[in-house]
C-alpha atoms as a PDB file:
ATOM      1  CA  MET A   1      81.490 140.408 120.479  1.00  0.00           C
ATOM      2  CA  HIS A   2      84.285 142.265 121.844  1.00  0.00           C
ATOM      3  CA  HIS A   3      84.847 146.091 121.576  1.00  0.00           C
ATOM      4  CA  THR A   4      86.555 147.431 117.680  1.00  0.00           C
ATOM      5  CA  ILE A   5      87.803 150.228 115.790  1.00  0.00           C
ATOM      6  CA  PHE A   6      84.392 149.855 114.221  1.00  0.00           C
ATOM      7  CA  ASP A   7      82.185 151.049 117.377  1.00  0.00           C
ATOM      8  CA  THR A   8      84.588 153.121 118.867  1.00  0.00           C
ATOM      9  CA  PRO A   9      82.609 155.980 118.982  1.00  0.00           C
ATOM     10  CA  VAL A  10      84.955 159.343 118.556  1.00  0.00           C
ATOM     11  CA  ILE A  11      87.068 157.173 116.007  1.00  0.00           C
ATOM     12  CA  ASN A  12      84.041 155.711 113.551  1.00  0.00           C
ATOM     13  CA  VAL A  13      82.820 159.058 113.063  1.00  0.00           C
ATOM     14  CA  LEU A  14      86.140 160.745 111.989  1.00  0.00           C
ATOM     15  CA  MET A  15      86.519 157.233 109.887  1.00  0.00           C
ATOM     16  CA  HIS A  16      83.224 157.810 108.531  1.00  0.00           C
ATOM     17  CA  TRP A  17      83.347 161.018 107.432  1.00  0.00           C
ATOM     18  CA  PHE A  18      86.949 160.711 106.224  1.00  0.00           C
ATOM     19  CA  SER A  19      86.862 157.545 104.432  1.00  0.00           C
ATOM     20  CA  ARG A  20      83.576 158.860 102.237  1.00  0.00           C
ATOM     21  CA  MET A  21      85.664 162.475 101.682  1.00  0.00           C
ATOM     22  CA  ALA A  22      88.645 160.285 100.650  1.00  0.00           C
ATOM     23  CA  LEU A  23      86.548 157.925  98.227  1.00  0.00           C
ATOM     24  CA  ARG A  24      85.320 161.046  96.884  1.00  0.00           C
ATOM     25  CA  LEU A  25      88.016 163.031  96.145  1.00  0.00           C
ATOM     26  CA  THR A  26      89.989 159.664  94.514  1.00  0.00           C
ATOM     27  CA  GLY A  27      87.078 159.311  92.110  1.00  0.00           C
ATOM     28  CA  TRP A  28      85.685 156.403  93.634  1.00  0.00           C
ATOM     29  CA  ARG A  29      81.099 155.909  93.977  1.00  0.00           C
ATOM     30  CA  LEU A  30      79.767 153.960  96.876  1.00  0.00           C
ATOM     31  CA  VAL A  31      76.985 151.806  95.063  1.00  0.00           C
ATOM     32  CA  GLY A  32      73.982 150.552  97.230  1.00  0.00           C
ATOM     33  CA  GLY A  33      74.090 150.959 100.988  1.00  0.00           C
ATOM     34  CA  ALA A  34      74.195 148.570 104.060  1.00  0.00           C
ATOM     35  CA  PRO A  35      72.489 145.503 104.129  1.00  0.00           C
ATOM     36  CA  THR A  36      69.953 145.519 106.786  1.00  0.00           C
ATOM     37  CA  VAL A  37      69.918 141.969 107.796  1.00  0.00           C
ATOM     38  CA  PRO A  38      71.677 141.781 111.171  1.00  0.00           C
ATOM     39  CA  LYS A  39      73.770 138.439 110.340  1.00  0.00           C
ATOM     40  CA  TYR A  40      75.998 137.699 106.825  1.00  0.00           C
ATOM     41  CA  VAL A  41      78.864 136.751 105.388  1.00  0.00           C
ATOM     42  CA  LEU A  42      80.606 139.483 103.530  1.00  0.00           C
ATOM     43  CA  ILE A  43      82.865 139.098 100.529  1.00  0.00           C
ATOM     44  CA  ALA A  44      84.513 140.951  98.413  1.00  0.00           C
ATOM     45  CA  ALA A  45      86.459 140.383  94.807  1.00  0.00           C
ATOM     46  CA  PRO A  46      88.562 140.450  93.315  1.00  0.00           C
ATOM     47  CA  HIS A  47      91.358 140.644  95.165  1.00  0.00           C
ATOM     48  CA  THR A  48      94.537 141.342  92.953  1.00  0.00           C
ATOM     49  CA  SER A  49      96.777 144.160  94.744  1.00  0.00           C
ATOM     50  CA  ASN A  50      97.365 145.295  98.337  1.00  0.00           C
ATOM     51  CA  TRP A  51      95.630 148.509  97.701  1.00  0.00           C
ATOM     52  CA  ASP A  52      92.150 146.200  97.896  1.00  0.00           C
ATOM     53  CA  PHE A  53      92.502 146.180 101.849  1.00  0.00           C
ATOM     54  CA  PRO A  54      92.776 150.181 102.477  1.00  0.00           C
ATOM     55  CA  VAL A  55      89.913 150.731  99.604  1.00  0.00           C
ATOM     56  CA  ALA A  56      87.758 147.599 101.515  1.00  0.00           C
ATOM     57  CA  LEU A  57      88.294 149.243 105.070  1.00  0.00           C
ATOM     58  CA  MET A  58      87.148 152.459 103.591  1.00  0.00           C
ATOM     59  CA  VAL A  59      83.974 151.334 102.201  1.00  0.00           C
ATOM     60  CA  CYS A  60      83.100 149.525 105.337  1.00  0.00           C
ATOM     61  CA  PHE A  61      83.535 152.757 107.476  1.00  0.00           C
ATOM     62  CA  ALA A  62      81.830 154.900 104.989  1.00  0.00           C
ATOM     63  CA  LEU A  63      78.674 152.235 105.073  1.00  0.00           C
ATOM     64  CA  ARG A  64      78.893 152.311 109.001  1.00  0.00           C
ATOM     65  CA  LEU A  65      79.683 148.414 108.601  1.00  0.00           C
ATOM     66  CA  ARG A  66      80.988 146.781 111.930  1.00  0.00           C
ATOM     67  CA  VAL A  67      82.695 143.762 110.252  1.00  0.00           C
ATOM     68  CA  TYR A  68      85.171 141.224 111.729  1.00  0.00           C
ATOM     69  CA  TRP A  69      87.233 138.951 110.604  1.00  0.00           C
ATOM     70  CA  MET A  70      88.630 135.372 111.997  1.00  0.00           C
ATOM     71  CA  GLY A  71      92.513 133.940 112.439  1.00  0.00           C
ATOM     72  CA  LYS A  72      94.280 131.275 113.966  1.00  0.00           C
ATOM     73  CA  ASP A  73      95.142 132.145 117.458  1.00  0.00           C
ATOM     74  CA  SER A  74      98.710 132.842 116.814  1.00  0.00           C
ATOM     75  CA  LEU A  75      98.129 135.649 115.223  1.00  0.00           C
ATOM     76  CA  PHE A  76      97.060 137.243 118.401  1.00  0.00           C
ATOM     77  CA  PRO A  77      99.988 137.175 120.846  1.00  0.00           C
ATOM     78  CA  PRO A  78      99.610 138.563 124.189  1.00  0.00           C
ATOM     79  CA  LEU A  79     100.957 142.382 123.274  1.00  0.00           C
ATOM     80  CA  VAL A  80      99.626 142.246 120.065  1.00  0.00           C
ATOM     81  CA  GLY A  81      96.569 140.655 120.335  1.00  0.00           C
ATOM     82  CA  GLY A  82      94.270 143.156 121.917  1.00  0.00           C
ATOM     83  CA  VAL A  83      95.113 145.487 119.459  1.00  0.00           C
ATOM     84  CA  MET A  84      94.162 142.720 116.355  1.00  0.00           C
ATOM     85  CA  ARG A  85      90.506 142.384 118.428  1.00  0.00           C
ATOM     86  CA  TRP A  86      90.007 146.031 118.632  1.00  0.00           C
ATOM     87  CA  LEU A  87      90.919 145.581 114.302  1.00  0.00           C
ATOM     88  CA  GLY A  88      87.687 143.118 114.489  1.00  0.00           C
ATOM     89  CA  GLY A  89      89.707 139.919 114.764  1.00  0.00           C
ATOM     90  CA  ILE A  90      88.302 137.017 116.552  1.00  0.00           C
ATOM     91  CA  PRO A  91      91.079 134.070 117.471  1.00  0.00           C
ATOM     92  CA  VAL A  92      90.100 130.436 116.679  1.00  0.00           C
ATOM     93  CA  ASN A  93      91.937 127.821 118.375  1.00  0.00           C
ATOM     94  CA  ARG A  94      92.255 125.653 115.161  1.00  0.00           C
ATOM     95  CA  ALA A  95      93.292 122.423 117.143  1.00  0.00           C
ATOM     96  CA  ARG A  96      90.190 122.763 119.756  1.00  0.00           C
ATOM     97  CA  SER A  97      87.638 124.049 117.244  1.00  0.00           C
ATOM     98  CA  GLY A  98      88.284 121.347 113.852  1.00  0.00           C
ATOM     99  CA  ASN A  99      88.494 124.421 111.789  1.00  0.00           C
ATOM    100  CA  LEU A 100      87.929 127.973 110.900  1.00  0.00           C
ATOM    101  CA  VAL A 101      84.496 126.977 108.903  1.00  0.00           C
ATOM    102  CA  GLN A 102      83.013 125.442 111.902  1.00  0.00           C
ATOM    103  CA  ALA A 103      84.469 127.984 114.825  1.00  0.00           C
ATOM    104  CA  THR A 104      82.859 130.576 111.893  1.00  0.00           C
ATOM    105  CA  VAL A 105      79.494 129.218 112.107  1.00  0.00           C
ATOM    106  CA  ASP A 106      79.825 128.543 115.768  1.00  0.00           C
ATOM    107  CA  ALA A 107      80.538 132.239 116.349  1.00  0.00           C
ATOM    108  CA  TYR A 108      77.473 133.345 114.084  1.00  0.00           C
ATOM    109  CA  ASN A 109      75.366 130.539 116.312  1.00  0.00           C
ATOM    110  CA  SER A 110      76.230 132.569 119.218  1.00  0.00           C
ATOM    111  CA  ASN A 111      75.501 136.057 118.003  1.00  0.00           C
ATOM    112  CA  ALA A 112      72.352 138.196 117.358  1.00  0.00           C
ATOM    113  CA  ARG A 113      74.258 140.582 114.834  1.00  0.00           C
ATOM    114  CA  LEU A 114      77.555 139.687 113.348  1.00  0.00           C
ATOM    115  CA  ILE A 115      79.200 140.514 109.691  1.00  0.00           C
ATOM    116  CA  VAL A 116      82.437 138.516 109.375  1.00  0.00           C
ATOM    117  CA  ILE A 117      84.182 139.321 105.964  1.00  0.00           C
ATOM    118  CA  VAL A 118      85.971 136.273 104.370  1.00  0.00           C
ATOM    119  CA  PRO A 119      88.255 136.086 101.292  1.00  0.00           C
ATOM    120  CA  PRO A 120      87.076 133.907  98.413  1.00  0.00           C
ATOM    121  CA  GLU A 121      90.081 133.941  96.983  1.00  0.00           C
ATOM    122  CA  GLY A 122      93.204 132.475  98.784  1.00  0.00           C
ATOM    123  CA  THR A 123      95.860 135.057  97.738  1.00  0.00           C
ATOM    124  CA  ARG A 124      96.648 137.708  95.283  1.00  0.00           C
ATOM    125  CA  SER A 125      98.319 135.901  92.698  1.00  0.00           C
ATOM    126  CA  LYS A 126      96.828 134.821  89.487  1.00  0.00           C
ATOM    127  CA  VAL A 127      93.492 133.165  90.614  1.00  0.00           C
ATOM    128  CA  THR A 128      92.215 130.041  88.862  1.00  0.00           C
ATOM    129  CA  GLN A 129      90.266 128.537  91.418  1.00  0.00           C
ATOM    130  CA  TRP A 130      87.818 129.885  94.645  1.00  0.00           C
ATOM    131  CA  LYS A 131      88.106 128.611  97.907  1.00  0.00           C
ATOM    132  CA  THR A 132      84.662 127.357  99.105  1.00  0.00           C
ATOM    133  CA  GLY A 133      85.210 128.435 103.282  1.00  0.00           C
ATOM    134  CA  PHE A 134      82.665 131.250 102.967  1.00  0.00           C
ATOM    135  CA  TYR A 135      80.300 129.337 101.154  1.00  0.00           C
ATOM    136  CA  TYR A 136      80.381 126.771 103.814  1.00  0.00           C
ATOM    137  CA  ILE A 137      79.855 129.254 106.519  1.00  0.00           C
ATOM    138  CA  ALA A 138      77.039 130.823 105.181  1.00  0.00           C
ATOM    139  CA  GLN A 139      75.057 127.744 104.461  1.00  0.00           C
ATOM    140  CA  GLY A 140      76.153 126.211 108.171  1.00  0.00           C
ATOM    141  CA  ALA A 141      75.169 129.406 109.738  1.00  0.00           C
ATOM    142  CA  GLY A 142      71.811 129.996 107.659  1.00  0.00           C
ATOM    143  CA  VAL A 143      72.651 133.446 106.755  1.00  0.00           C
ATOM    144  CA  PRO A 144      73.150 135.043 103.149  1.00  0.00           C
ATOM    145  CA  ILE A 145      76.056 136.162 101.542  1.00  0.00           C
ATOM    146  CA  ALA A 146      76.882 139.747 100.878  1.00  0.00           C
ATOM    147  CA  LEU A 147      78.520 140.417  97.263  1.00  0.00           C
ATOM    148  CA  GLY A 148      80.923 143.300  97.780  1.00  0.00           C
ATOM    149  CA  TYR A 149      83.139 144.172  94.962  1.00  0.00           C
ATOM    150  CA  LEU A 150      85.458 146.718  94.204  1.00  0.00           C
ATOM    151  CA  ASP A 151      85.782 147.683  90.303  1.00  0.00           C
ATOM    152  CA  PHE A 152      89.230 149.855  89.882  1.00  0.00           C
ATOM    153  CA  ARG A 153      88.212 150.378  86.162  1.00  0.00           C
ATOM    154  CA  LYS A 154      85.058 152.293  87.149  1.00  0.00           C
ATOM    155  CA  LYS A 155      85.925 153.230  90.416  1.00  0.00           C
ATOM    156  CA  GLU A 156      82.713 151.867  92.000  1.00  0.00           C
ATOM    157  CA  ALA A 157      82.696 150.073  95.399  1.00  0.00           C
ATOM    158  CA  GLY A 158      79.808 148.649  97.304  1.00  0.00           C
ATOM    159  CA  LEU A 159      77.573 145.416  98.411  1.00  0.00           C
ATOM    160  CA  SER A 160      75.452 145.051  95.475  1.00  0.00           C
ATOM    161  CA  ARG A 161      73.770 141.628  96.219  1.00  0.00           C
ATOM    162  CA  MET A 162      72.524 139.310  98.923  1.00  0.00           C
ATOM    163  CA  PHE A 163      72.866 135.765  97.679  1.00  0.00           C
ATOM    164  CA  GLN A 164      71.108 132.910  99.815  1.00  0.00           C
ATOM    165  CA  PRO A 165      73.188 129.639  99.238  1.00  0.00           C
ATOM    166  CA  SER A 166      70.509 126.733  98.061  1.00  0.00           C
ATOM    167  CA  GLY A 167      73.010 123.853  99.096  1.00  0.00           C
ATOM    168  CA  ASP A 168      74.093 123.228  95.367  1.00  0.00           C
ATOM    169  CA  ILE A 169      77.297 124.441  95.768  1.00  0.00           C
ATOM    170  CA  ALA A 170      78.685 124.065  92.142  1.00  0.00           C
ATOM    171  CA  ALA A 171      75.265 126.092  90.771  1.00  0.00           C
ATOM    172  CA  ASP A 172      75.596 128.810  93.492  1.00  0.00           C
ATOM    173  CA  MET A 173      79.404 129.304  92.578  1.00  0.00           C
ATOM    174  CA  VAL A 174      78.825 129.653  88.932  1.00  0.00           C
ATOM    175  CA  GLU A 175      75.900 132.218  89.710  1.00  0.00           C
ATOM    176  CA  ILE A 176      78.846 133.907  92.203  1.00  0.00           C
ATOM    177  CA  GLN A 177      81.527 134.070  89.915  1.00  0.00           C
ATOM    178  CA  ALA A 178      79.526 135.206  86.956  1.00  0.00           C
ATOM    179  CA  PHE A 179      78.381 138.182  89.091  1.00  0.00           C
ATOM    180  CA  TYR A 180      82.391 139.211  89.409  1.00  0.00           C
ATOM    181  CA  ALA A 181      83.075 138.303  85.562  1.00  0.00           C
ATOM    182  CA  GLY A 182      82.436 141.939  84.609  1.00  0.00           C
ATOM    183  CA  ILE A 183      84.311 143.454  87.779  1.00  0.00           C
ATOM    184  CA  THR A 184      87.899 144.508  87.008  1.00  0.00           C
ATOM    185  CA  GLY A 185      90.381 144.412  89.901  1.00  0.00           C
ATOM    186  CA  LYS A 186      93.548 146.703  90.033  1.00  0.00           C
ATOM    187  CA  ASN A 187      95.621 144.286  88.313  1.00  0.00           C
ATOM    188  CA  PRO A 188      93.103 142.456  85.912  1.00  0.00           C
ATOM    189  CA  GLY A 189      95.355 140.072  84.586  1.00  0.00           C
ATOM    190  CA  LYS A 190      95.561 137.796  88.318  1.00  0.00           C
ATOM    191  CA  PHE A 191      91.932 136.894  88.448  1.00  0.00           C
ATOM    192  CA  ASP A 192      89.802 135.108  85.533  1.00  0.00           C
ATOM    193  CA  GLY A 193      86.599 134.581  87.763  1.00  0.00           C
ATOM    194  CA  GLY A 194      87.626 130.915  89.380  1.00  0.00           C
ATOM    195  CA  THR A 195      87.123 127.476  87.419  1.00  0.00           C
ATOM    196  CA  ALA A 196      86.062 124.630  90.118  1.00  0.00           C
ATOM    197  CA  PRO A 197      85.785 125.491  93.625  1.00  0.00           C
ATOM    198  CA  GLU A 198      88.269 124.382  96.066  1.00  0.00           C
ATOM    199  CA  LYS A 199      87.502 123.978  99.584  1.00  0.00           C
END
C-alpha cells in the first residue's frame, strides 16, 4: 500500500497526541483499543452530521489505526490525486473493476495488512435503509467487520466489537443494526437504525 498521513512518522506522532488531547479536552472518552487482526472492514455509525468525520479521524489517530478508503478514480485528478492518496484514498477504475465491492475485495486479497473504512449508511439525511457493500466486502475477502461508533450523547467513541459475517446477510444485518440501536448520533432524528438492507 502507498504511503499515507497515518504512516508519516512525525505527523503520525503529533496527530496521535493532539487527537488524544483534543478528545479528552472536548469530553470524549475512547472505549476499547485497536483490533489486533491485520485485516478488517471498519464501519462507523451513526453518520448524522459533518462533525462525524473529524471526530472519527481523531479516533483513528488516537488508536494509531492506519485506515484507507476506496473512491472512484475521478476523485484523484493529477494534482489533487497525490494528496487524496496521502489521506488514505485508493482510486478505483469502476469501468475496469466492475464495481467498488470487488475492487476492495481484490485490495484485501493482495495485501497482508489492510483496514478500509466503509460507511454503512449512504447519506447524512434520514436513514431508513443501510447500504450493504461493507458486508459483501468483508464476506468476499473473508475478513471481520469492526463495529466502530460515535455516541454524541455519552461522548464515547471506539471500536467495540469484531463481527464475522456468517453468510446469512438478513440475520447478520439485524444483529449489526441492533448493536447501533442504543447509540446516539449528533442529530439523532436522522438515524433510526435502518430497516431492510439495500445493496
